[in-house]
Amino acid sequence: MLTPEEINDLITTGSGHKRVSLSEIMLKEFDESNDPEESEAKILPFKKKVESDDSETQEEVVVSEEDQPLPELSLEMGQRCHKVLIDMKKKHKHNLKDIFAAKRNTKKVKNTKETSLFIIEEKKKLEHASQTLKGKEIIQMYEKNAKVDINIYRNNKDDLHKSNQFGVLVNKKQA
């Protein structure tokens, strides 16, 4: 990217036919940044210190990954590992049982429910929650209406012509 100062320098210093367009400069910088030699990861060689006959002098030998010899695998190595594993098992027998038992029993849950029972219980919870929300909404609506009725009553309290139209409606069956 070009900074405003660089753009100003390019515009003011260029003259006539020697001017270079900004797009050409940007493409040139883009091509330079995509140079494969610079963009590839560099592989650093391993350095190994080797002691020679004289313990005072040490040489650094460059060893690449390809030149390193692979360790020889033998049956003895497998037998040694097997012996170590058996010894560890004997020493930590109770710990291993606890660890492996916990992993095996994770699928067995005491409170497992059948899918249909779970769905029915969740449906009941949903219905109960929706009923409580509806109840709260109804109470809020009654409060708003009651406030409006009280304000109308207070405003028309002094006017005798309007005050006789307000009152309490009583259901005859309840009274």
N, C-alpha and C. Protein backbone atom coordinates (compact mmCIF):
# COMPACT_ATOMS: atom_id res chain seq x y z
N MET A 1 0.85 -1.18 0.00
CA MET A 1 0.00 0.00 0.00
C MET A 1 0.88 1.24 0.00
N LEU A 2 0.37 2.27 -0.56
CA LEU A 2 1.09 3.54 -0.59
C LEU A 2 0.50 4.47 0.44
N THR A 3 1.39 5.16 1.11
CA THR A 3 0.94 6.14 2.09
C THR A 3 0.61 7.44 1.35
N PRO A 4 -0.13 8.33 1.99
CA PRO A 4 -0.45 9.60 1.33
C PRO A 4 0.81 10.40 0.96
N GLU A 5 1.86 10.30 1.77
CA GLU A 5 3.10 11.03 1.47
C GLU A 5 3.75 10.49 0.19
N GLU A 6 3.75 9.14 0.05
CA GLU A 6 4.33 8.54 -1.15
C GLU A 6 3.54 8.92 -2.39
N ILE A 7 2.22 8.96 -2.27
CA ILE A 7 1.38 9.36 -3.41
C ILE A 7 1.67 10.80 -3.79
N ASN A 8 1.81 11.67 -2.80
CA ASN A 8 2.11 13.07 -3.07
C ASN A 8 3.46 13.21 -3.77
N ASP A 9 4.48 12.45 -3.31
CA ASP A 9 5.79 12.51 -3.95
C ASP A 9 5.72 12.04 -5.39
N LEU A 10 4.98 10.98 -5.64
CA LEU A 10 4.86 10.46 -7.00
C LEU A 10 4.17 11.45 -7.92
N ILE A 11 3.18 12.13 -7.40
CA ILE A 11 2.42 13.07 -8.24
C ILE A 11 3.23 14.32 -8.51
N THR A 12 3.90 14.84 -7.50
CA THR A 12 4.60 16.12 -7.67
C THR A 12 5.93 15.96 -8.40
N THR A 13 6.64 14.84 -8.23
CA THR A 13 7.96 14.71 -8.86
C THR A 13 7.88 14.25 -10.30
N GLY A 14 6.82 13.56 -10.67
CA GLY A 14 6.71 13.07 -12.04
C GLY A 14 6.41 14.23 -12.98
N SER A 15 7.02 14.19 -14.17
CA SER A 15 6.75 15.27 -15.11
C SER A 15 6.63 14.70 -16.52
N GLY A 16 5.65 15.16 -17.23
CA GLY A 16 5.47 14.84 -18.64
C GLY A 16 5.38 13.37 -18.95
N HIS A 17 6.18 12.95 -19.96
CA HIS A 17 6.09 11.58 -20.46
C HIS A 17 6.79 10.57 -19.55
N LYS A 18 7.54 11.01 -18.57
CA LYS A 18 8.25 10.09 -17.69
C LYS A 18 7.40 9.64 -16.50
N ARG A 19 6.20 10.09 -16.43
CA ARG A 19 5.33 9.69 -15.32
C ARG A 19 5.00 8.20 -15.42
N VAL A 20 4.89 7.57 -14.24
CA VAL A 20 4.52 6.15 -14.17
C VAL A 20 3.19 6.08 -13.44
N SER A 21 2.26 5.35 -14.00
CA SER A 21 0.94 5.29 -13.37
C SER A 21 1.02 4.49 -12.07
N LEU A 22 0.13 4.85 -11.16
CA LEU A 22 0.11 4.19 -9.85
C LEU A 22 -0.21 2.71 -9.98
N SER A 23 -1.05 2.35 -10.92
CA SER A 23 -1.39 0.93 -11.08
C SER A 23 -0.16 0.12 -11.48
N GLU A 24 0.71 0.69 -12.34
CA GLU A 24 1.94 -0.02 -12.72
C GLU A 24 2.87 -0.19 -11.53
N ILE A 25 2.96 0.83 -10.68
CA ILE A 25 3.80 0.73 -9.49
C ILE A 25 3.26 -0.33 -8.55
N MET A 26 1.95 -0.34 -8.38
CA MET A 26 1.34 -1.32 -7.49
C MET A 26 1.56 -2.74 -8.02
N LEU A 27 1.39 -2.93 -9.34
CA LEU A 27 1.61 -4.26 -9.92
C LEU A 27 3.07 -4.68 -9.80
N LYS A 28 3.98 -3.73 -9.97
CA LYS A 28 5.40 -4.03 -9.85
C LYS A 28 5.73 -4.49 -8.43
N GLU A 29 5.21 -3.78 -7.43
CA GLU A 29 5.44 -4.16 -6.03
C GLU A 29 4.78 -5.49 -5.72
N PHE A 30 3.62 -5.74 -6.31
CA PHE A 30 2.93 -7.01 -6.09
C PHE A 30 3.73 -8.18 -6.67
N ASP A 31 4.30 -7.97 -7.87
CA ASP A 31 5.12 -9.02 -8.48
C ASP A 31 6.37 -9.28 -7.67
N GLU A 32 6.97 -8.23 -7.12
CA GLU A 32 8.17 -8.41 -6.30
C GLU A 32 7.85 -9.15 -5.01
N SER A 33 6.66 -8.89 -4.44
CA SER A 33 6.31 -9.56 -3.19
C SER A 33 5.95 -11.03 -3.43
N ASN A 34 5.57 -11.39 -4.64
CA ASN A 34 5.22 -12.78 -4.96
C ASN A 34 6.41 -13.56 -5.50
N ASP A 35 7.61 -13.06 -5.31
CA ASP A 35 8.81 -13.75 -5.76
C ASP A 35 8.92 -15.08 -5.05
N PRO A 36 9.00 -16.21 -5.77
CA PRO A 36 8.97 -17.52 -5.13
C PRO A 36 10.15 -17.76 -4.20
N GLU A 37 11.30 -17.15 -4.49
CA GLU A 37 12.45 -17.36 -3.62
C GLU A 37 12.21 -16.77 -2.24
N GLU A 38 11.50 -15.66 -2.18
CA GLU A 38 11.27 -15.00 -0.90
C GLU A 38 10.07 -15.59 -0.16
N SER A 39 9.07 -16.07 -0.89
CA SER A 39 7.83 -16.50 -0.25
C SER A 39 7.90 -17.92 0.29
N GLU A 40 8.80 -18.76 -0.21
CA GLU A 40 8.86 -20.13 0.26
C GLU A 40 9.49 -20.20 1.65
N ALA A 41 9.11 -21.22 2.38
CA ALA A 41 9.68 -21.42 3.70
C ALA A 41 11.11 -21.90 3.54
N LYS A 42 11.96 -21.42 4.41
CA LYS A 42 13.35 -21.83 4.37
C LYS A 42 13.54 -23.03 5.27
N ILE A 43 14.26 -24.01 4.79
CA ILE A 43 14.54 -25.21 5.58
C ILE A 43 15.90 -25.03 6.20
N LEU A 44 15.92 -25.04 7.50
CA LEU A 44 17.17 -24.89 8.22
C LEU A 44 17.74 -26.27 8.51
N PRO A 45 19.03 -26.48 8.24
CA PRO A 45 19.61 -27.80 8.51
C PRO A 45 19.85 -28.00 10.00
N PHE A 46 19.82 -29.25 10.42
CA PHE A 46 20.13 -29.58 11.81
C PHE A 46 21.64 -29.52 11.98
N LYS A 47 22.07 -29.01 13.11
CA LYS A 47 23.49 -28.96 13.41
C LYS A 47 23.76 -29.90 14.56
N LYS A 48 24.72 -30.76 14.37
CA LYS A 48 25.04 -31.75 15.39
C LYS A 48 26.48 -31.55 15.81
N LYS A 49 26.69 -31.46 17.11
CA LYS A 49 28.04 -31.29 17.62
C LYS A 49 28.66 -32.66 17.80
N VAL A 50 29.83 -32.84 17.21
CA VAL A 50 30.53 -34.12 17.28
C VAL A 50 31.87 -33.89 17.96
N GLU A 51 32.17 -34.72 18.94
CA GLU A 51 33.46 -34.60 19.61
C GLU A 51 34.49 -35.42 18.84
N SER A 52 35.59 -34.78 18.54
CA SER A 52 36.66 -35.50 17.86
C SER A 52 37.64 -36.05 18.89
N ASP A 53 38.77 -36.52 18.40
CA ASP A 53 39.77 -37.10 19.31
C ASP A 53 40.19 -36.08 20.36
N ASP A 54 40.34 -34.85 19.95
CA ASP A 54 40.67 -33.79 20.91
C ASP A 54 39.36 -33.28 21.49
N SER A 55 39.19 -33.38 22.79
CA SER A 55 37.94 -32.95 23.41
C SER A 55 37.81 -31.43 23.42
N GLU A 56 38.90 -30.73 23.13
CA GLU A 56 38.86 -29.27 23.14
C GLU A 56 38.17 -28.72 21.89
N THR A 57 38.34 -29.36 20.76
CA THR A 57 37.76 -28.85 19.52
C THR A 57 36.48 -29.60 19.19
N GLN A 58 35.51 -28.84 18.77
CA GLN A 58 34.23 -29.43 18.37
C GLN A 58 33.88 -28.93 16.99
N GLU A 59 33.35 -29.81 16.19
CA GLU A 59 32.96 -29.45 14.84
C GLU A 59 31.44 -29.50 14.72
N GLU A 60 30.92 -28.65 13.88
CA GLU A 60 29.50 -28.69 13.59
C GLU A 60 29.30 -29.39 12.26
N VAL A 61 28.51 -30.44 12.29
CA VAL A 61 28.24 -31.21 11.08
C VAL A 61 26.80 -30.96 10.70
N VAL A 62 26.58 -30.62 9.46
CA VAL A 62 25.23 -30.38 8.97
C VAL A 62 24.64 -31.71 8.53
N VAL A 63 23.48 -32.07 9.15
CA VAL A 63 22.81 -33.32 8.83
C VAL A 63 21.40 -32.99 8.39
N SER A 64 21.04 -33.38 7.21
CA SER A 64 19.68 -33.12 6.74
C SER A 64 18.78 -34.25 7.20
N GLU A 65 17.47 -34.05 7.06
CA GLU A 65 16.50 -35.05 7.50
C GLU A 65 16.64 -36.34 6.70
N GLU A 66 16.99 -36.23 5.44
CA GLU A 66 17.10 -37.41 4.60
C GLU A 66 18.29 -38.27 4.99
N ASP A 67 19.39 -37.63 5.47
CA ASP A 67 20.61 -38.35 5.79
C ASP A 67 20.55 -39.03 7.15
N GLN A 68 19.61 -38.69 8.00
CA GLN A 68 19.55 -39.27 9.33
C GLN A 68 19.13 -40.73 9.24
N PRO A 69 19.87 -41.62 9.93
CA PRO A 69 19.49 -43.03 9.89
C PRO A 69 18.29 -43.27 10.79
N LEU A 70 17.41 -44.15 10.36
CA LEU A 70 16.25 -44.51 11.16
C LEU A 70 16.68 -45.52 12.22
N PRO A 71 16.11 -45.46 13.42
CA PRO A 71 16.48 -46.44 14.43
C PRO A 71 16.02 -47.83 13.98
N GLU A 72 16.86 -48.79 14.28
CA GLU A 72 16.53 -50.15 13.88
C GLU A 72 15.49 -50.71 14.83
N LEU A 73 14.41 -51.18 14.28
CA LEU A 73 13.36 -51.77 15.08
C LEU A 73 13.61 -53.26 15.17
N SER A 74 13.49 -53.75 16.37
CA SER A 74 13.72 -55.19 16.54
C SER A 74 12.66 -55.76 17.46
N LEU A 75 12.64 -57.06 17.53
CA LEU A 75 11.69 -57.76 18.38
C LEU A 75 11.99 -57.50 19.84
N GLU A 76 13.28 -57.30 20.15
CA GLU A 76 13.67 -57.04 21.54
C GLU A 76 13.06 -55.75 22.06
N MET A 77 12.99 -54.73 21.21
CA MET A 77 12.41 -53.46 21.64
C MET A 77 10.95 -53.65 22.00
N GLY A 78 10.23 -54.40 21.21
CA GLY A 78 8.83 -54.65 21.50
C GLY A 78 8.64 -55.43 22.78
N GLN A 79 9.52 -56.40 23.02
CA GLN A 79 9.44 -57.19 24.25
C GLN A 79 9.73 -56.34 25.47
N ARG A 80 10.71 -55.43 25.35
CA ARG A 80 11.03 -54.54 26.47
C ARG A 80 9.85 -53.63 26.78
N CYS A 81 9.24 -53.08 25.75
CA CYS A 81 8.08 -52.21 25.96
C CYS A 81 6.94 -52.99 26.60
N HIS A 82 6.75 -54.21 26.16
CA HIS A 82 5.69 -55.04 26.72
C HIS A 82 5.94 -55.30 28.20
N LYS A 83 7.20 -55.59 28.55
CA LYS A 83 7.55 -55.82 29.96
C LYS A 83 7.29 -54.57 30.80
N VAL A 84 7.67 -53.41 30.28
CA VAL A 84 7.45 -52.15 31.01
C VAL A 84 5.96 -51.92 31.22
N LEU A 85 5.16 -52.19 30.20
CA LEU A 85 3.72 -51.99 30.33
C LEU A 85 3.12 -52.94 31.36
N ILE A 86 3.58 -54.18 31.38
CA ILE A 86 3.07 -55.13 32.37
C ILE A 86 3.44 -54.70 33.78
N ASP A 87 4.70 -54.23 33.97
CA ASP A 87 5.13 -53.75 35.29
C ASP A 87 4.29 -52.56 35.73
N MET A 88 4.03 -51.63 34.81
CA MET A 88 3.21 -50.46 35.16
C MET A 88 1.80 -50.88 35.52
N LYS A 89 1.30 -51.86 34.82
CA LYS A 89 -0.06 -52.34 35.11
C LYS A 89 -0.13 -52.95 36.49
N LYS A 90 0.90 -53.72 36.87
CA LYS A 90 0.93 -54.33 38.20
C LYS A 90 1.03 -53.28 39.29
N LYS A 91 1.85 -52.26 39.09
CA LYS A 91 2.05 -51.22 40.10
C LYS A 91 0.80 -50.36 40.28
N HIS A 92 0.17 -50.04 39.20
CA HIS A 92 -0.95 -49.10 39.23
C HIS A 92 -2.25 -49.78 38.84
N LYS A 93 -2.44 -50.97 39.31
CA LYS A 93 -3.61 -51.76 38.91
C LYS A 93 -4.92 -51.09 39.30
N HIS A 94 -5.03 -50.61 40.54
CA HIS A 94 -6.28 -50.00 40.99
C HIS A 94 -6.55 -48.68 40.27
N ASN A 95 -5.51 -47.89 40.00
CA ASN A 95 -5.70 -46.62 39.29
C ASN A 95 -6.18 -46.86 37.86
N LEU A 96 -5.61 -47.85 37.21
CA LEU A 96 -6.00 -48.14 35.83
C LEU A 96 -7.44 -48.60 35.75
N LYS A 97 -7.86 -49.40 36.73
CA LYS A 97 -9.25 -49.86 36.71
C LYS A 97 -10.20 -48.68 36.84
N ASP A 98 -9.88 -47.74 37.73
CA ASP A 98 -10.75 -46.58 37.91
C ASP A 98 -10.80 -45.75 36.64
N ILE A 99 -9.66 -45.56 36.03
CA ILE A 99 -9.61 -44.73 34.83
C ILE A 99 -10.38 -45.38 33.69
N PHE A 100 -10.09 -46.65 33.44
CA PHE A 100 -10.75 -47.32 32.32
C PHE A 100 -12.22 -47.57 32.60
N ALA A 101 -12.57 -47.82 33.85
CA ALA A 101 -13.97 -48.05 34.18
C ALA A 101 -14.78 -46.78 33.94
N ALA A 102 -14.21 -45.63 34.27
CA ALA A 102 -14.92 -44.37 34.06
C ALA A 102 -15.16 -44.13 32.58
N LYS A 103 -14.19 -44.48 31.76
CA LYS A 103 -14.35 -44.27 30.33
C LYS A 103 -15.38 -45.23 29.74
N ARG A 104 -15.40 -46.44 30.22
CA ARG A 104 -16.33 -47.42 29.67
C ARG A 104 -17.77 -47.13 30.07
N ASN A 105 -17.97 -46.61 31.26
CA ASN A 105 -19.31 -46.42 31.78
C ASN A 105 -19.90 -45.06 31.47
N THR A 106 -19.24 -44.26 30.66
CA THR A 106 -19.79 -42.95 30.35
C THR A 106 -21.09 -43.05 29.55
N LYS A 107 -21.24 -44.12 28.79
CA LYS A 107 -22.46 -44.27 27.99
C LYS A 107 -23.64 -44.70 28.84
N LYS A 108 -23.38 -45.35 29.96
CA LYS A 108 -24.46 -45.81 30.83
C LYS A 108 -24.77 -44.73 31.85
N VAL A 109 -25.88 -44.10 31.69
CA VAL A 109 -26.31 -43.04 32.59
C VAL A 109 -27.49 -43.57 33.39
N LYS A 110 -27.49 -43.28 34.69
CA LYS A 110 -28.54 -43.80 35.56
C LYS A 110 -29.91 -43.23 35.21
N ASN A 111 -29.96 -41.99 34.82
CA ASN A 111 -31.24 -41.33 34.57
C ASN A 111 -31.61 -41.34 33.09
N THR A 112 -31.35 -42.42 32.42
CA THR A 112 -31.72 -42.48 31.01
C THR A 112 -33.24 -42.60 30.90
N LYS A 113 -33.77 -41.90 29.93
CA LYS A 113 -35.21 -41.92 29.69
C LYS A 113 -35.42 -42.30 28.24
N GLU A 114 -36.55 -42.85 27.99
CA GLU A 114 -36.89 -43.13 26.60
C GLU A 114 -37.19 -41.81 25.90
N THR A 115 -36.98 -41.80 24.63
CA THR A 115 -37.15 -40.58 23.85
C THR A 115 -38.57 -40.05 23.94
N SER A 116 -39.55 -40.92 23.89
CA SER A 116 -40.94 -40.47 23.92
C SER A 116 -41.27 -39.82 25.27
N LEU A 117 -40.77 -40.41 26.38
CA LEU A 117 -41.02 -39.81 27.70
C LEU A 117 -40.34 -38.45 27.81
N PHE A 118 -39.14 -38.36 27.30
CA PHE A 118 -38.42 -37.09 27.33
C PHE A 118 -39.18 -36.01 26.57
N ILE A 119 -39.69 -36.35 25.40
CA ILE A 119 -40.43 -35.39 24.58
C ILE A 119 -41.71 -34.95 25.29
N ILE A 120 -42.41 -35.89 25.92
CA ILE A 120 -43.65 -35.56 26.63
C ILE A 120 -43.36 -34.62 27.79
N GLU A 121 -42.30 -34.90 28.56
CA GLU A 121 -41.96 -34.04 29.69
C GLU A 121 -41.57 -32.65 29.23
N GLU A 122 -40.79 -32.56 28.17
CA GLU A 122 -40.40 -31.25 27.66
C GLU A 122 -41.60 -30.48 27.13
N LYS A 123 -42.55 -31.18 26.54
CA LYS A 123 -43.76 -30.53 26.03
C LYS A 123 -44.57 -29.95 27.19
N LYS A 124 -44.66 -30.70 28.30
CA LYS A 124 -45.37 -30.20 29.48
C LYS A 124 -44.68 -28.97 30.05
N LYS A 125 -43.35 -29.00 30.09
CA LYS A 125 -42.61 -27.83 30.58
C LYS A 125 -42.87 -26.62 29.69
N LEU A 126 -42.91 -26.84 28.39
CA LEU A 126 -43.15 -25.75 27.44
C LEU A 126 -44.55 -25.16 27.64
N GLU A 127 -45.55 -26.02 27.80
CA GLU A 127 -46.91 -25.55 28.03
C GLU A 127 -47.00 -24.74 29.32
N HIS A 128 -46.37 -25.22 30.37
CA HIS A 128 -46.40 -24.51 31.65
C HIS A 128 -45.73 -23.14 31.52
N ALA A 129 -44.59 -23.09 30.82
CA ALA A 129 -43.90 -21.82 30.64
C ALA A 129 -44.74 -20.85 29.81
N SER A 130 -45.39 -21.36 28.76
CA SER A 130 -46.22 -20.47 27.93
C SER A 130 -47.43 -19.96 28.70
N GLN A 131 -48.02 -20.79 29.58
CA GLN A 131 -49.15 -20.35 30.39
C GLN A 131 -48.73 -19.25 31.36
N THR A 132 -47.57 -19.40 31.98
CA THR A 132 -47.12 -18.35 32.90
C THR A 132 -46.85 -17.05 32.15
N LEU A 133 -46.27 -17.14 30.94
CA LEU A 133 -46.03 -15.93 30.16
C LEU A 133 -47.34 -15.26 29.76
N LYS A 134 -48.33 -16.05 29.36
CA LYS A 134 -49.64 -15.49 29.00
C LYS A 134 -50.29 -14.84 30.21
N GLY A 135 -50.17 -15.48 31.37
CA GLY A 135 -50.74 -14.91 32.60
C GLY A 135 -50.12 -13.57 32.93
N LYS A 136 -48.79 -13.48 32.80
CA LYS A 136 -48.11 -12.21 33.07
C LYS A 136 -48.56 -11.14 32.08
N GLU A 137 -48.71 -11.52 30.83
CA GLU A 137 -49.15 -10.58 29.80
C GLU A 137 -50.56 -10.07 30.10
N ILE A 138 -51.45 -10.95 30.51
CA ILE A 138 -52.83 -10.56 30.83
C ILE A 138 -52.86 -9.61 32.02
N ILE A 139 -52.07 -9.91 33.04
CA ILE A 139 -52.02 -9.03 34.22
C ILE A 139 -51.52 -7.65 33.83
N GLN A 140 -50.50 -7.58 32.97
CA GLN A 140 -50.00 -6.27 32.53
C GLN A 140 -51.08 -5.51 31.75
N MET A 141 -51.85 -6.20 30.93
CA MET A 141 -52.93 -5.54 30.19
C MET A 141 -54.00 -5.00 31.14
N TYR A 142 -54.37 -5.78 32.16
CA TYR A 142 -55.35 -5.32 33.14
C TYR A 142 -54.84 -4.09 33.89
N GLU A 143 -53.55 -4.10 34.24
CA GLU A 143 -52.99 -2.94 34.95
C GLU A 143 -53.08 -1.69 34.09
N LYS A 144 -52.75 -1.81 32.79
CA LYS A 144 -52.83 -0.66 31.90
C LYS A 144 -54.26 -0.15 31.79
N ASN A 145 -55.21 -1.07 31.62
CA ASN A 145 -56.62 -0.68 31.51
C ASN A 145 -57.12 -0.06 32.80
N ALA A 146 -56.71 -0.59 33.93
CA ALA A 146 -57.15 -0.05 35.21
C ALA A 146 -56.63 1.37 35.40
N LYS A 147 -55.41 1.63 34.97
CA LYS A 147 -54.85 2.97 35.10
C LYS A 147 -55.64 3.95 34.24
N VAL A 148 -56.01 3.51 33.05
CA VAL A 148 -56.79 4.39 32.17
C VAL A 148 -58.15 4.67 32.79
N ASP A 149 -58.82 3.65 33.34
CA ASP A 149 -60.14 3.83 33.96
C ASP A 149 -60.05 4.75 35.16
N ILE A 150 -59.02 4.60 35.96
CA ILE A 150 -58.87 5.46 37.15
C ILE A 150 -58.62 6.89 36.73
N ASN A 151 -57.80 7.11 35.71
CA ASN A 151 -57.54 8.47 35.24
C ASN A 151 -58.80 9.11 34.68
N ILE A 152 -59.61 8.36 33.94
CA ILE A 152 -60.88 8.89 33.41
C ILE A 152 -61.81 9.25 34.57
N TYR A 153 -61.89 8.39 35.57
CA TYR A 153 -62.75 8.63 36.73
C TYR A 153 -62.31 9.89 37.46
N ARG A 154 -61.02 10.05 37.66
CA ARG A 154 -60.51 11.23 38.38
C ARG A 154 -60.77 12.50 37.57
N ASN A 155 -60.59 12.44 36.26
CA ASN A 155 -60.80 13.63 35.45
C ASN A 155 -62.28 14.03 35.39
N ASN A 156 -63.18 13.07 35.41
CA ASN A 156 -64.61 13.35 35.29
C ASN A 156 -65.32 13.34 36.63
N LYS A 157 -64.59 13.33 37.70
CA LYS A 157 -65.18 13.25 39.04
C LYS A 157 -66.05 14.48 39.35
N ASP A 158 -65.59 15.62 38.93
CA ASP A 158 -66.32 16.85 39.24
C ASP A 158 -67.50 17.09 38.28
N ASP A 159 -67.48 16.53 37.12
CA ASP A 159 -68.54 16.71 36.15
C ASP A 159 -69.67 15.73 36.46
N LEU A 160 -70.80 16.24 36.96
CA LEU A 160 -71.91 15.39 37.39
C LEU A 160 -72.58 14.68 36.21
N HIS A 161 -72.58 15.32 35.07
CA HIS A 161 -73.23 14.72 33.92
C HIS A 161 -72.51 13.43 33.47
N LYS A 162 -71.16 13.42 33.54
CA LYS A 162 -70.40 12.24 33.12
C LYS A 162 -70.19 11.25 34.26
N SER A 163 -70.21 11.71 35.48
CA SER A 163 -69.90 10.83 36.61
C SER A 163 -70.97 9.78 36.85
N ASN A 164 -72.22 10.03 36.44
CA ASN A 164 -73.26 9.03 36.67
C ASN A 164 -73.16 7.87 35.68
N GLN A 165 -72.32 7.99 34.67
CA GLN A 165 -72.16 6.91 33.70
C GLN A 165 -71.10 5.89 34.13
N PHE A 166 -70.33 6.20 35.16
CA PHE A 166 -69.28 5.30 35.63
C PHE A 166 -69.74 4.60 36.88
N GLY A 167 -69.30 3.37 37.03
CA GLY A 167 -69.64 2.62 38.22
C GLY A 167 -69.04 1.23 38.15
N VAL A 168 -69.41 0.41 39.09
CA VAL A 168 -68.89 -0.95 39.14
C VAL A 168 -69.94 -1.87 38.55
N LEU A 169 -69.54 -2.68 37.61
CA LEU A 169 -70.43 -3.63 36.99
C LEU A 169 -70.41 -4.91 37.81
N VAL A 170 -71.57 -5.32 38.29
CA VAL A 170 -71.66 -6.50 39.15
C VAL A 170 -72.42 -7.58 38.40
N ASN A 171 -71.86 -8.75 38.39
CA ASN A 171 -72.52 -9.89 37.78
C ASN A 171 -73.54 -10.41 38.78
N LYS A 172 -74.79 -10.55 38.37
CA LYS A 172 -75.85 -10.93 39.30
C LYS A 172 -75.65 -12.35 39.82
N LYS A 173 -75.04 -13.21 39.05
CA LYS A 173 -74.82 -14.58 39.51
C LYS A 173 -73.81 -14.63 40.64
N GLN A 174 -72.83 -13.73 40.63
CA GLN A 174 -71.81 -13.73 41.67
C GLN A 174 -72.31 -13.07 42.94
N ALA A 175 -73.24 -12.12 42.83
CA ALA A 175 -73.69 -11.36 43.99
C ALA A 175 -74.69 -12.07 44.83
